[in-house]
Amino acid sequence: MLEGGCQCGAVRYAVDGEFAHHALCHCADCRASSGAPAMAWMAYKSESFRITKGEAVAFNSSGDSWRHFCGTCGTGLYFINETTLPGIVDIQSATLDDAANHAPGAQIQTAERLPYMTDLANLPEFERYPGM
């Protein structure tokens, strides 16, 4: 079983079993929703997912896409689209309590990837803010 939740702790969830896929998504809808250049999603069968604390707020981001987030702190938590992904709940894997232990295995929607995302390894790195 894996557990996770929002930044403020108002909404918590748990998932059981094996995930169907774990991918870094580059689509424009994910970027608009998160304010980030990509998002990591871990797909589970709907019956494997449950909210254990609080209640997420839902937003219809496009067509049949429902993005769920904490109404207090705004943390994105999970995504449901019964037309495209029937019976699947896609959790934002960075919200897992042990997110560092779960690396995505693929990149999807790369046709919409921001061009600079293909060359991140060549950027300078700083353990903290530069100059501090």
C-alpha atoms as a PDB file:
ATOM      1  CA  MET A   1       0.000   0.000   0.000  1.00  0.00           C
ATOM      2  CA  LEU A   2       1.161   3.535  -0.808  1.00  0.00           C
ATOM      3  CA  GLU A   3      -0.082   6.687   0.884  1.00  0.00           C
ATOM      4  CA  GLY A   4       0.080  10.347   0.016  1.00  0.00           C
ATOM      5  CA  GLY A   5      -1.684  13.644   0.265  1.00  0.00           C
ATOM      6  CA  CYS A   6      -1.654  17.374  -0.106  1.00  0.00           C
ATOM      7  CA  GLN A   7       0.847  19.846   1.285  1.00  0.00           C
ATOM      8  CA  CYS A   8      -1.305  20.976   4.221  1.00  0.00           C
ATOM      9  CA  GLY A   9      -2.486  17.463   5.163  1.00  0.00           C
ATOM     10  CA  ALA A  10      -6.215  18.171   4.747  1.00  0.00           C
ATOM     11  CA  VAL A  11      -6.615  15.489   2.044  1.00  0.00           C
ATOM     12  CA  ARG A  12      -4.951  12.073   2.238  1.00  0.00           C
ATOM     13  CA  TYR A  13      -5.244   8.997   0.012  1.00  0.00           C
ATOM     14  CA  ALA A  14      -4.052   5.404  -0.221  1.00  0.00           C
ATOM     15  CA  VAL A  15      -3.578   3.005  -3.140  1.00  0.00           C
ATOM     16  CA  ASP A  16      -3.134  -0.766  -3.111  1.00  0.00           C
ATOM     17  CA  GLY A  17      -1.775  -3.180  -5.666  1.00  0.00           C
ATOM     18  CA  GLU A  18       0.300  -2.681  -8.771  1.00  0.00           C
ATOM     19  CA  PHE A  19       0.158   0.454 -10.866  1.00  0.00           C
ATOM     20  CA  ALA A  20      -0.738   0.196 -14.562  1.00  0.00           C
ATOM     21  CA  HIS A  21       1.845   2.775 -15.628  1.00  0.00           C
ATOM     22  CA  HIS A  22       3.939   5.593 -14.228  1.00  0.00           C
ATOM     23  CA  ALA A  23       4.796   8.341 -16.674  1.00  0.00           C
ATOM     24  CA  LEU A  24       5.937  11.918 -16.912  1.00  0.00           C
ATOM     25  CA  CYS A  25       3.297  13.793 -18.933  1.00  0.00           C
ATOM     26  CA  HIS A  26       4.211  16.789 -21.097  1.00  0.00           C
ATOM     27  CA  CYS A  27       0.722  17.785 -22.300  1.00  0.00           C
ATOM     28  CA  ALA A  28      -0.412  21.408 -22.275  1.00  0.00           C
ATOM     29  CA  ASP A  29      -3.381  20.577 -20.017  1.00  0.00           C
ATOM     30  CA  CYS A  30      -1.067  19.195 -17.317  1.00  0.00           C
ATOM     31  CA  ARG A  31       1.185  22.234 -17.622  1.00  0.00           C
ATOM     32  CA  ALA A  32      -1.762  24.631 -17.283  1.00  0.00           C
ATOM     33  CA  SER A  33      -3.124  22.722 -14.298  1.00  0.00           C
ATOM     34  CA  SER A  34       0.155  22.521 -12.399  1.00  0.00           C
ATOM     35  CA  GLY A  35       2.184  25.521 -13.500  1.00  0.00           C
ATOM     36  CA  ALA A  36       5.039  23.050 -14.066  1.00  0.00           C
ATOM     37  CA  PRO A  37       6.655  21.948 -17.342  1.00  0.00           C
ATOM     38  CA  ALA A  38       5.596  18.308 -16.783  1.00  0.00           C
ATOM     39  CA  MET A  39       3.755  16.120 -14.279  1.00  0.00           C
ATOM     40  CA  ALA A  40       4.338  12.575 -13.054  1.00  0.00           C
ATOM     41  CA  TRP A  41       1.265  10.306 -13.019  1.00  0.00           C
ATOM     42  CA  MET A  42       0.874   6.826 -11.553  1.00  0.00           C
ATOM     43  CA  ALA A  43      -2.210   4.973 -12.812  1.00  0.00           C
ATOM     44  CA  TYR A  44      -4.150   2.589 -10.575  1.00  0.00           C
ATOM     45  CA  LYS A  45      -7.411   0.719 -10.971  1.00  0.00           C
ATOM     46  CA  SER A  46     -10.202   2.796  -9.439  1.00  0.00           C
ATOM     47  CA  GLU A  47     -11.015   0.137  -6.850  1.00  0.00           C
ATOM     48  CA  SER A  48      -7.400   0.314  -5.570  1.00  0.00           C
ATOM     49  CA  PHE A  49      -7.692   4.019  -4.694  1.00  0.00           C
ATOM     50  CA  ARG A  50      -9.412   5.606  -1.712  1.00  0.00           C
ATOM     51  CA  ILE A  51      -9.488   8.936   0.074  1.00  0.00           C
ATOM     52  CA  THR A  52      -8.535   8.367   3.727  1.00  0.00           C
ATOM     53  CA  LYS A  53      -8.933  11.920   5.018  1.00  0.00           C
ATOM     54  CA  GLY A  54     -10.812  14.998   3.869  1.00  0.00           C
ATOM     55  CA  GLU A  55     -12.358  15.611   0.487  1.00  0.00           C
ATOM     56  CA  ALA A  56     -10.760  16.797  -2.743  1.00  0.00           C
ATOM     57  CA  VAL A  57     -12.254  19.509  -4.934  1.00  0.00           C
ATOM     58  CA  ALA A  58     -12.844  18.568  -8.598  1.00  0.00           C
ATOM     59  CA  PHE A  59     -12.308  20.741 -11.664  1.00  0.00           C
ATOM     60  CA  ASN A  60     -13.324  19.768 -15.200  1.00  0.00           C
ATOM     61  CA  SER A  61     -10.207  20.805 -17.088  1.00  0.00           C
ATOM     62  CA  SER A  62     -11.234  19.599 -20.552  1.00  0.00           C
ATOM     63  CA  GLY A  63     -14.046  17.400 -21.805  1.00  0.00           C
ATOM     64  CA  ASP A  64     -14.241  14.345 -19.575  1.00  0.00           C
ATOM     65  CA  SER A  65     -11.065  15.200 -17.618  1.00  0.00           C
ATOM     66  CA  TRP A  66     -11.565  15.779 -13.896  1.00  0.00           C
ATOM     67  CA  ARG A  67      -8.615  17.048 -11.864  1.00  0.00           C
ATOM     68  CA  HIS A  68      -8.895  16.700  -8.090  1.00  0.00           C
ATOM     69  CA  PHE A  69      -7.001  18.902  -5.668  1.00  0.00           C
ATOM     70  CA  CYS A  70      -7.010  20.170  -2.097  1.00  0.00           C
ATOM     71  CA  GLY A  71      -9.373  23.097  -1.703  1.00  0.00           C
ATOM     72  CA  THR A  72      -7.251  24.495   1.131  1.00  0.00           C
ATOM     73  CA  CYS A  73      -3.661  24.448  -0.170  1.00  0.00           C
ATOM     74  CA  GLY A  74      -4.290  23.797  -3.884  1.00  0.00           C
ATOM     75  CA  THR A  75      -2.109  20.696  -4.216  1.00  0.00           C
ATOM     76  CA  GLY A  76      -3.095  18.611  -7.249  1.00  0.00           C
ATOM     77  CA  LEU A  77      -3.775  15.012  -6.222  1.00  0.00           C
ATOM     78  CA  TYR A  78      -5.440  12.830  -8.851  1.00  0.00           C
ATOM     79  CA  PHE A  79      -7.065  12.753 -12.279  1.00  0.00           C
ATOM     80  CA  ILE A  80     -10.045  10.813 -13.641  1.00  0.00           C
ATOM     81  CA  ASN A  81     -11.204  10.554 -17.255  1.00  0.00           C
ATOM     82  CA  GLU A  82     -13.658   7.676 -17.689  1.00  0.00           C
ATOM     83  CA  THR A  83     -13.726   8.131 -21.483  1.00  0.00           C
ATOM     84  CA  THR A  84      -9.979   7.967 -22.137  1.00  0.00           C
ATOM     85  CA  LEU A  85      -8.909   5.942 -19.084  1.00  0.00           C
ATOM     86  CA  PRO A  86     -11.951   3.947 -17.920  1.00  0.00           C
ATOM     87  CA  GLY A  87     -11.606   2.448 -14.455  1.00  0.00           C
ATOM     88  CA  ILE A  88      -8.339   4.307 -13.791  1.00  0.00           C
ATOM     89  CA  VAL A  89      -7.349   6.890 -11.188  1.00  0.00           C
ATOM     90  CA  ASP A  90      -4.106   8.672 -12.065  1.00  0.00           C
ATOM     91  CA  ILE A  91      -2.409   9.980  -8.928  1.00  0.00           C
ATOM     92  CA  GLN A  92       0.175  12.745  -9.039  1.00  0.00           C
ATOM     93  CA  SER A  93       3.049  10.604  -7.851  1.00  0.00           C
ATOM     94  CA  ALA A  94       5.003  13.542  -6.408  1.00  0.00           C
ATOM     95  CA  THR A  95       2.297  13.663  -3.693  1.00  0.00           C
ATOM     96  CA  LEU A  96       3.226  10.192  -2.416  1.00  0.00           C
ATOM     97  CA  ASP A  97       4.767  10.172   1.054  1.00  0.00           C
ATOM     98  CA  ASP A  98       7.744   8.273  -0.404  1.00  0.00           C
ATOM     99  CA  ALA A  99       7.779   9.891  -3.862  1.00  0.00           C
ATOM    100  CA  ALA A 100      11.588   9.622  -4.120  1.00  0.00           C
ATOM    101  CA  ASN A 101      11.220   5.822  -4.235  1.00  0.00           C
ATOM    102  CA  HIS A 102       9.029   5.841  -7.354  1.00  0.00           C
ATOM    103  CA  ALA A 103      10.637   7.082 -10.569  1.00  0.00           C
ATOM    104  CA  PRO A 104       8.484   7.310 -13.717  1.00  0.00           C
ATOM    105  CA  GLY A 105       9.192   4.667 -16.339  1.00  0.00           C
ATOM    106  CA  ALA A 106       8.237   6.661 -19.440  1.00  0.00           C
ATOM    107  CA  GLN A 107       7.466  10.082 -20.874  1.00  0.00           C
ATOM    108  CA  ILE A 108       4.123  10.640 -22.605  1.00  0.00           C
ATOM    109  CA  GLN A 109       2.552  13.381 -24.714  1.00  0.00           C
ATOM    110  CA  THR A 110       6.046  14.354 -25.899  1.00  0.00           C
ATOM    111  CA  ALA A 111       4.527  15.985 -28.997  1.00  0.00           C
ATOM    112  CA  GLU A 112       3.537  18.810 -26.611  1.00  0.00           C
ATOM    113  CA  ARG A 113       6.790  18.841 -24.613  1.00  0.00           C
ATOM    114  CA  LEU A 114       8.404  22.240 -24.082  1.00  0.00           C
ATOM    115  CA  PRO A 115      11.588  22.274 -26.187  1.00  0.00           C
ATOM    116  CA  TYR A 116      13.910  23.058 -23.267  1.00  0.00           C
ATOM    117  CA  MET A 117      12.797  19.905 -21.430  1.00  0.00           C
ATOM    118  CA  THR A 118      14.821  17.691 -23.783  1.00  0.00           C
ATOM    119  CA  ASP A 119      18.178  19.104 -22.613  1.00  0.00           C
ATOM    120  CA  LEU A 120      17.865  19.493 -18.830  1.00  0.00           C
ATOM    121  CA  ALA A 121      20.948  17.403 -18.058  1.00  0.00           C
ATOM    122  CA  ASN A 122      23.169  20.094 -19.601  1.00  0.00           C
ATOM    123  CA  LEU A 123      21.958  22.920 -17.342  1.00  0.00           C
ATOM    124  CA  PRO A 124      24.154  24.029 -14.422  1.00  0.00           C
ATOM    125  CA  GLU A 125      23.086  22.537 -11.082  1.00  0.00           C
ATOM    126  CA  PHE A 126      23.052  24.069  -7.589  1.00  0.00           C
ATOM    127  CA  GLU A 127      22.172  22.175  -4.402  1.00  0.00           C
ATOM    128  CA  ARG A 128      20.471  25.313  -3.094  1.00  0.00           C
ATOM    129  CA  TYR A 129      19.870  28.802  -4.502  1.00  0.00           C
ATOM    130  CA  PRO A 130      22.964  30.017  -6.384  1.00  0.00           C
ATOM    131  CA  GLY A 131      25.135  32.392  -4.392  1.00  0.00           C
ATOM    132  CA  MET A 132      23.643  31.490  -1.017  1.00  0.00           C
END
